[in-house]
């Protein structure tokens, strides 16, 4: 797929980007080469390749699921302007 300067200008207008005519030609060449590379990548046979969540096959070190902070709910809610039943009350903004 090839992109010309007119298409770059149209895309720039839609994205509200300021692109000069001189830069439009450069961007058109760069975008065309990127799209050509993506087309080449789509030709690669990836059947049988297992998808990975991370490029390195490593397991994550997990921490123990334990409480690490003391409960300060009462202290924080005492500072709040309005609370009820353990919840913070805020002014209604939608009627």
Protein backbone atom coordinates (compact mmCIF):
# COMPACT_ATOMS: atom_id res chain seq x y z
CA UNK A 1 0.00 0.00 0.00
CA UNK A 2 1.31 3.41 -0.93
CA UNK A 3 0.35 6.76 0.54
CA UNK A 4 0.78 10.03 -1.30
CA UNK A 5 1.10 13.59 0.01
CA UNK A 6 -2.60 14.30 -0.58
CA UNK A 7 -3.58 11.44 1.73
CA UNK A 8 -1.10 12.65 4.34
CA UNK A 9 -2.68 16.13 4.13
CA UNK A 10 -6.17 14.63 4.53
CA UNK A 11 -5.10 12.53 7.55
CA UNK A 12 -3.30 15.52 9.07
CA UNK A 13 -6.44 17.63 8.66
CA UNK A 14 -8.59 14.96 10.34
CA UNK A 15 -6.07 14.66 13.18
CA UNK A 16 -5.78 18.46 13.40
CA UNK A 17 -2.02 18.32 12.77
CA UNK A 18 -0.09 21.05 11.02
CA UNK A 19 1.91 19.42 8.20
CA UNK A 20 3.65 21.51 5.57
CA UNK A 21 3.70 20.43 1.93
CA UNK A 22 7.43 19.72 2.13
CA UNK A 23 6.94 17.53 5.19
CA UNK A 24 3.95 15.85 3.54
CA UNK A 25 6.17 14.20 0.94
CA UNK A 26 8.58 12.95 3.60
CA UNK A 27 5.75 11.63 5.75
CA UNK A 28 4.17 9.95 2.71
CA UNK A 29 7.43 8.09 1.95
CA UNK A 30 7.91 7.09 5.58
CA UNK A 31 4.34 5.89 6.02
CA UNK A 32 4.47 3.97 2.75
CA UNK A 33 7.64 2.17 3.84
CA UNK A 34 6.06 1.32 7.21
CA UNK A 35 2.96 -0.09 5.52
CA UNK A 36 5.12 -2.09 3.10
CA UNK A 37 6.99 -3.58 6.06
CA UNK A 38 3.70 -4.51 7.76
CA UNK A 39 2.58 -6.23 4.55
CA UNK A 40 5.84 -8.21 4.52
CA UNK A 41 5.25 -9.22 8.14
CA UNK A 42 1.76 -10.50 7.32
CA UNK A 43 3.32 -12.91 4.78
CA UNK A 44 5.23 -14.76 7.51
CA UNK A 45 3.75 -18.14 8.44
CA UNK A 46 2.97 -17.99 12.16
CA UNK A 47 0.91 -21.16 12.39
CA UNK A 48 2.09 -23.24 15.30
CA UNK A 49 3.62 -20.25 17.08
CA UNK A 50 2.34 -19.99 20.63
CA UNK A 51 1.28 -16.44 21.59
CA UNK A 52 3.26 -14.95 24.45
CA UNK A 53 2.28 -12.37 27.02
CA UNK A 54 5.93 -11.35 27.24
CA UNK A 55 8.83 -11.93 24.84
CA UNK A 56 10.90 -13.60 27.54
CA UNK A 57 9.66 -16.91 28.86
CA UNK A 58 9.92 -16.07 32.54
CA UNK A 59 7.50 -16.43 35.40
CA UNK A 60 6.56 -13.43 37.47
CA UNK A 61 7.71 -13.32 41.05
CA UNK A 62 4.58 -12.90 43.11
CA UNK A 63 4.41 -11.44 46.57
CA UNK A 64 2.38 -12.99 49.32
CA UNK A 65 -1.20 -11.72 49.54
CA UNK A 66 -1.07 -10.23 53.01
CA UNK A 67 -2.22 -6.93 54.49
CA UNK A 68 0.76 -4.59 54.70
CA UNK A 69 -0.91 -1.43 56.03
CA UNK A 70 -2.95 -0.74 59.13
CA UNK A 71 -6.64 0.11 58.80
CA UNK A 72 -7.01 3.91 59.07
CA UNK A 73 -10.56 4.18 57.74
CA UNK A 74 -11.98 5.86 60.84
CA UNK A 75 -9.16 8.41 60.88
CA UNK A 76 -9.60 9.32 57.21
CA UNK A 77 -13.38 9.50 57.43
CA UNK A 78 -13.12 11.80 60.43
CA UNK A 79 -11.38 14.28 58.12
CA UNK A 80 -14.05 14.06 55.40
CA UNK A 81 -16.78 16.70 55.18
CA UNK A 82 -19.58 14.11 55.05
CA UNK A 83 -19.79 10.34 55.53
CA UNK A 84 -22.57 7.80 56.11
CA UNK A 85 -22.37 4.07 56.80
CA UNK A 86 -18.64 4.01 56.08
CA UNK A 87 -18.97 5.78 52.69
CA UNK A 88 -17.89 9.24 51.62
CA UNK A 89 -20.77 11.52 50.64
CA UNK A 90 -20.27 13.93 47.74
CA UNK A 91 -22.54 16.60 46.29
CA UNK A 92 -24.89 15.45 43.54
CA UNK A 93 -23.71 16.69 40.13
CA UNK A 94 -26.31 15.07 37.87
CA UNK A 95 -29.98 15.64 38.42
